[in-house]
């Protein structure tokens, strides 16, 4: 699985003008299941994200995790993280998991992250979503299971 983490002061997602999820200080997490990914990948990614030390400590160093700061997470499915741009000008997405598998693993990732003690809200799989956020830093990190 792939995830793009953005450290945020706040983030929210809307579908058809209605706010369906958000978080305050924490992480905006875009998630993509790749072909061959399974439940263990979702669990491994959730554990990594929860413990990744990318928040500032008292000395201003990135030394605290999402769990340490008691931050929240907004998890949004994003199959375009599987984009292959190596040929031509049109990205290919054949490396992404099939939609039914992608949805199951996306939901499992969010559930696993919540089970670790992170308050989690989500977008809506497959929906046309409008995402807004206030970056903190900015800090953007690419993570793979």
C-alpha atoms as a PDB file:
ATOM      1  CA  UNK A   1       0.000   0.000   0.000  1.00  0.00           C
ATOM      2  CA  UNK A   2       1.071   3.561  -0.590  1.00  0.00           C
ATOM      3  CA  UNK A   3       0.296   6.595   1.500  1.00  0.00           C
ATOM      4  CA  UNK A   4       1.070  10.261   1.172  1.00  0.00           C
ATOM      5  CA  UNK A   5       1.122  11.915   4.595  1.00  0.00           C
ATOM      6  CA  UNK A   6       0.675  15.643   5.034  1.00  0.00           C
ATOM      7  CA  UNK A   7       1.177  17.141   8.470  1.00  0.00           C
ATOM      8  CA  UNK A   8      -1.757  19.497   8.970  1.00  0.00           C
ATOM      9  CA  UNK A   9      -3.188  22.021  11.371  1.00  0.00           C
ATOM     10  CA  UNK A  10      -6.610  20.995  10.030  1.00  0.00           C
ATOM     11  CA  UNK A  11      -8.138  19.135   7.093  1.00  0.00           C
ATOM     12  CA  UNK A  12     -11.588  18.282   5.822  1.00  0.00           C
ATOM     13  CA  UNK A  13     -13.286  16.446   2.999  1.00  0.00           C
ATOM     14  CA  UNK A  14     -16.614  17.260   1.385  1.00  0.00           C
ATOM     15  CA  UNK A  15     -18.880  15.294  -0.938  1.00  0.00           C
ATOM     16  CA  UNK A  16     -21.598  17.209  -2.782  1.00  0.00           C
ATOM     17  CA  UNK A  17     -21.002  20.200  -0.502  1.00  0.00           C
ATOM     18  CA  UNK A  18     -21.448  18.215   2.723  1.00  0.00           C
ATOM     19  CA  UNK A  19     -18.535  17.838   5.151  1.00  0.00           C
ATOM     20  CA  UNK A  20     -18.134  14.107   5.722  1.00  0.00           C
ATOM     21  CA  UNK A  21     -14.812  13.999   7.539  1.00  0.00           C
ATOM     22  CA  UNK A  22     -11.993  16.011   8.979  1.00  0.00           C
ATOM     23  CA  UNK A  23      -9.340  16.403  11.624  1.00  0.00           C
ATOM     24  CA  UNK A  24      -7.538  19.077  13.566  1.00  0.00           C
ATOM     25  CA  UNK A  25      -3.814  18.916  14.285  1.00  0.00           C
ATOM     26  CA  UNK A  26      -2.533  15.658  12.823  1.00  0.00           C
ATOM     27  CA  UNK A  27      -2.272  14.003   9.430  1.00  0.00           C
ATOM     28  CA  UNK A  28      -4.084  14.121   6.121  1.00  0.00           C
ATOM     29  CA  UNK A  29      -3.453  10.641   4.715  1.00  0.00           C
ATOM     30  CA  UNK A  30      -4.029   9.796   1.062  1.00  0.00           C
ATOM     31  CA  UNK A  31      -4.059   5.992   0.673  1.00  0.00           C
ATOM     32  CA  UNK A  32      -3.801   3.668  -2.325  1.00  0.00           C
ATOM     33  CA  UNK A  33      -3.900  -0.124  -2.337  1.00  0.00           C
ATOM     34  CA  UNK A  34      -1.643  -1.659  -4.965  1.00  0.00           C
ATOM     35  CA  UNK A  35      -1.966  -4.968  -6.801  1.00  0.00           C
ATOM     36  CA  UNK A  36      -0.818  -7.774  -4.536  1.00  0.00           C
ATOM     37  CA  UNK A  37      -1.503  -5.896  -1.300  1.00  0.00           C
ATOM     38  CA  UNK A  38      -3.279  -7.693   1.523  1.00  0.00           C
ATOM     39  CA  UNK A  39      -4.507  -7.219   5.057  1.00  0.00           C
ATOM     40  CA  UNK A  40      -0.990  -7.414   6.484  1.00  0.00           C
ATOM     41  CA  UNK A  41       0.005  -4.420   4.321  1.00  0.00           C
ATOM     42  CA  UNK A  42      -2.836  -2.341   5.770  1.00  0.00           C
ATOM     43  CA  UNK A  43      -1.825  -3.260   9.335  1.00  0.00           C
ATOM     44  CA  UNK A  44       1.879  -2.613   8.681  1.00  0.00           C
ATOM     45  CA  UNK A  45       1.152   0.774   7.083  1.00  0.00           C
ATOM     46  CA  UNK A  46      -1.150   1.821   9.948  1.00  0.00           C
ATOM     47  CA  UNK A  47       1.502   0.900  12.530  1.00  0.00           C
ATOM     48  CA  UNK A  48       4.193   2.810  10.628  1.00  0.00           C
ATOM     49  CA  UNK A  49       2.044   5.921  10.194  1.00  0.00           C
ATOM     50  CA  UNK A  50       1.010   5.998  13.859  1.00  0.00           C
ATOM     51  CA  UNK A  51       4.624   5.858  15.064  1.00  0.00           C
ATOM     52  CA  UNK A  52       6.394   7.963  12.417  1.00  0.00           C
ATOM     53  CA  UNK A  53       8.156  10.794  14.253  1.00  0.00           C
ATOM     54  CA  UNK A  54       7.324  13.817  12.104  1.00  0.00           C
ATOM     55  CA  UNK A  55       5.909  16.237  14.677  1.00  0.00           C
ATOM     56  CA  UNK A  56       8.010  18.784  16.546  1.00  0.00           C
ATOM     57  CA  UNK A  57       9.099  18.284  20.132  1.00  0.00           C
ATOM     58  CA  UNK A  58       9.839  21.050  22.642  1.00  0.00           C
ATOM     59  CA  UNK A  59      13.223  21.688  20.956  1.00  0.00           C
ATOM     60  CA  UNK A  60      11.597  22.088  17.530  1.00  0.00           C
ATOM     61  CA  UNK A  61      12.940  18.774  16.191  1.00  0.00           C
ATOM     62  CA  UNK A  62      10.761  16.230  14.394  1.00  0.00           C
ATOM     63  CA  UNK A  63      10.765  13.709  17.208  1.00  0.00           C
ATOM     64  CA  UNK A  64       7.108  13.064  18.089  1.00  0.00           C
ATOM     65  CA  UNK A  65       4.583  10.709  16.509  1.00  0.00           C
ATOM     66  CA  UNK A  66       0.897  11.092  15.789  1.00  0.00           C
ATOM     67  CA  UNK A  67       0.246   9.012  18.899  1.00  0.00           C
ATOM     68  CA  UNK A  68       2.603  11.194  20.981  1.00  0.00           C
ATOM     69  CA  UNK A  69       0.765  14.398  20.078  1.00  0.00           C
ATOM     70  CA  UNK A  70      -2.659  12.735  20.346  1.00  0.00           C
ATOM     71  CA  UNK A  71      -3.386  13.990  16.836  1.00  0.00           C
ATOM     72  CA  UNK A  72      -6.149  12.965  14.485  1.00  0.00           C
ATOM     73  CA  UNK A  73      -6.125  11.595  10.954  1.00  0.00           C
ATOM     74  CA  UNK A  74      -8.219  12.244   7.889  1.00  0.00           C
ATOM     75  CA  UNK A  75      -7.887   9.184   5.634  1.00  0.00           C
ATOM     76  CA  UNK A  76      -8.881   9.581   1.985  1.00  0.00           C
ATOM     77  CA  UNK A  77      -8.696   6.958  -0.767  1.00  0.00           C
ATOM     78  CA  UNK A  78      -6.507   8.083  -3.672  1.00  0.00           C
ATOM     79  CA  UNK A  79      -5.972   5.507  -6.442  1.00  0.00           C
ATOM     80  CA  UNK A  80      -3.962   8.043  -8.444  1.00  0.00           C
ATOM     81  CA  UNK A  81      -1.010   7.395  -6.102  1.00  0.00           C
ATOM     82  CA  UNK A  82      -0.507   4.324  -8.320  1.00  0.00           C
ATOM     83  CA  UNK A  83       0.119   6.521 -11.372  1.00  0.00           C
ATOM     84  CA  UNK A  84       2.791   5.343 -13.797  1.00  0.00           C
ATOM     85  CA  UNK A  85       4.131   8.360 -15.671  1.00  0.00           C
ATOM     86  CA  UNK A  86       7.144   6.632 -17.231  1.00  0.00           C
ATOM     87  CA  UNK A  87       5.714   6.579 -20.767  1.00  0.00           C
ATOM     88  CA  UNK A  88       3.913   9.300 -22.664  1.00  0.00           C
ATOM     89  CA  UNK A  89       1.833  12.067 -21.174  1.00  0.00           C
ATOM     90  CA  UNK A  90      -1.118  10.103 -19.858  1.00  0.00           C
ATOM     91  CA  UNK A  91      -0.628   8.338 -16.532  1.00  0.00           C
ATOM     92  CA  UNK A  92      -1.484   4.660 -16.250  1.00  0.00           C
ATOM     93  CA  UNK A  93      -3.099   3.184 -13.163  1.00  0.00           C
ATOM     94  CA  UNK A  94      -2.795  -0.554 -13.810  1.00  0.00           C
ATOM     95  CA  UNK A  95      -0.658  -1.012 -10.674  1.00  0.00           C
ATOM     96  CA  UNK A  96      -3.598  -0.026  -8.435  1.00  0.00           C
ATOM     97  CA  UNK A  97      -5.603  -2.782  -6.781  1.00  0.00           C
ATOM     98  CA  UNK A  98      -9.017  -3.603  -8.227  1.00  0.00           C
ATOM     99  CA  UNK A  99     -11.713  -1.295  -6.803  1.00  0.00           C
ATOM    100  CA  UNK A 100     -13.290  -3.929  -4.523  1.00  0.00           C
ATOM    101  CA  UNK A 101      -9.892  -4.853  -3.060  1.00  0.00           C
ATOM    102  CA  UNK A 102      -8.852  -1.197  -2.859  1.00  0.00           C
ATOM    103  CA  UNK A 103     -11.984  -0.274  -0.926  1.00  0.00           C
ATOM    104  CA  UNK A 104     -11.610  -3.170   1.505  1.00  0.00           C
ATOM    105  CA  UNK A 105      -7.950  -2.374   2.232  1.00  0.00           C
ATOM    106  CA  UNK A 106      -8.606   1.372   2.510  1.00  0.00           C
ATOM    107  CA  UNK A 107     -11.317   0.713   5.095  1.00  0.00           C
ATOM    108  CA  UNK A 108      -9.105  -1.803   6.896  1.00  0.00           C
ATOM    109  CA  UNK A 109      -6.218   0.699   7.041  1.00  0.00           C
ATOM    110  CA  UNK A 110      -8.511   3.313   8.628  1.00  0.00           C
ATOM    111  CA  UNK A 111      -9.845   0.729  11.104  1.00  0.00           C
ATOM    112  CA  UNK A 112      -6.326  -0.482  11.987  1.00  0.00           C
ATOM    113  CA  UNK A 113      -5.132   3.096  12.530  1.00  0.00           C
ATOM    114  CA  UNK A 114      -8.105   3.811  14.805  1.00  0.00           C
ATOM    115  CA  UNK A 115      -7.445   0.582  16.741  1.00  0.00           C
ATOM    116  CA  UNK A 116      -3.959   1.923  17.521  1.00  0.00           C
ATOM    117  CA  UNK A 117      -5.542   4.903  19.289  1.00  0.00           C
ATOM    118  CA  UNK A 118      -5.661   7.524  16.535  1.00  0.00           C
ATOM    119  CA  UNK A 119      -8.967   9.384  16.073  1.00  0.00           C
ATOM    120  CA  UNK A 120      -9.799   8.714  12.408  1.00  0.00           C
ATOM    121  CA  UNK A 121     -12.305  10.195  10.005  1.00  0.00           C
ATOM    122  CA  UNK A 122     -12.516   9.249   6.341  1.00  0.00           C
ATOM    123  CA  UNK A 123     -13.568  10.327   2.916  1.00  0.00           C
ATOM    124  CA  UNK A 124     -15.916   8.247   0.757  1.00  0.00           C
ATOM    125  CA  UNK A 125     -14.326   5.613  -1.462  1.00  0.00           C
ATOM    126  CA  UNK A 126     -14.883   6.271  -5.160  1.00  0.00           C
ATOM    127  CA  UNK A 127     -16.659   9.602  -4.606  1.00  0.00           C
ATOM    128  CA  UNK A 128     -15.798  12.928  -6.190  1.00  0.00           C
ATOM    129  CA  UNK A 129     -14.375  14.611  -3.095  1.00  0.00           C
ATOM    130  CA  UNK A 130     -13.212  18.127  -2.348  1.00  0.00           C
ATOM    131  CA  UNK A 131     -10.361  18.114   0.144  1.00  0.00           C
ATOM    132  CA  UNK A 132      -9.057  21.190   1.929  1.00  0.00           C
ATOM    133  CA  UNK A 133      -6.247  21.441   4.421  1.00  0.00           C
ATOM    134  CA  UNK A 134      -3.851  23.771   6.147  1.00  0.00           C
ATOM    135  CA  UNK A 135      -0.351  22.300   5.846  1.00  0.00           C
ATOM    136  CA  UNK A 136       1.836  22.427   8.925  1.00  0.00           C
ATOM    137  CA  UNK A 137       5.459  23.000   7.954  1.00  0.00           C
ATOM    138  CA  UNK A 138       4.789  21.966   5.240  1.00  0.00           C
ATOM    139  CA  UNK A 139       5.766  18.375   5.879  1.00  0.00           C
ATOM    140  CA  UNK A 140       4.845  15.782   3.244  1.00  0.00           C
ATOM    141  CA  UNK A 141       6.078  12.182   3.492  1.00  0.00           C
ATOM    142  CA  UNK A 142       5.689   9.238   1.103  1.00  0.00           C
ATOM    143  CA  UNK A 143       5.280   5.834   2.823  1.00  0.00           C
ATOM    144  CA  UNK A 144       4.914   2.347   1.394  1.00  0.00           C
ATOM    145  CA  UNK A 145       4.073  -0.878   3.227  1.00  0.00           C
END
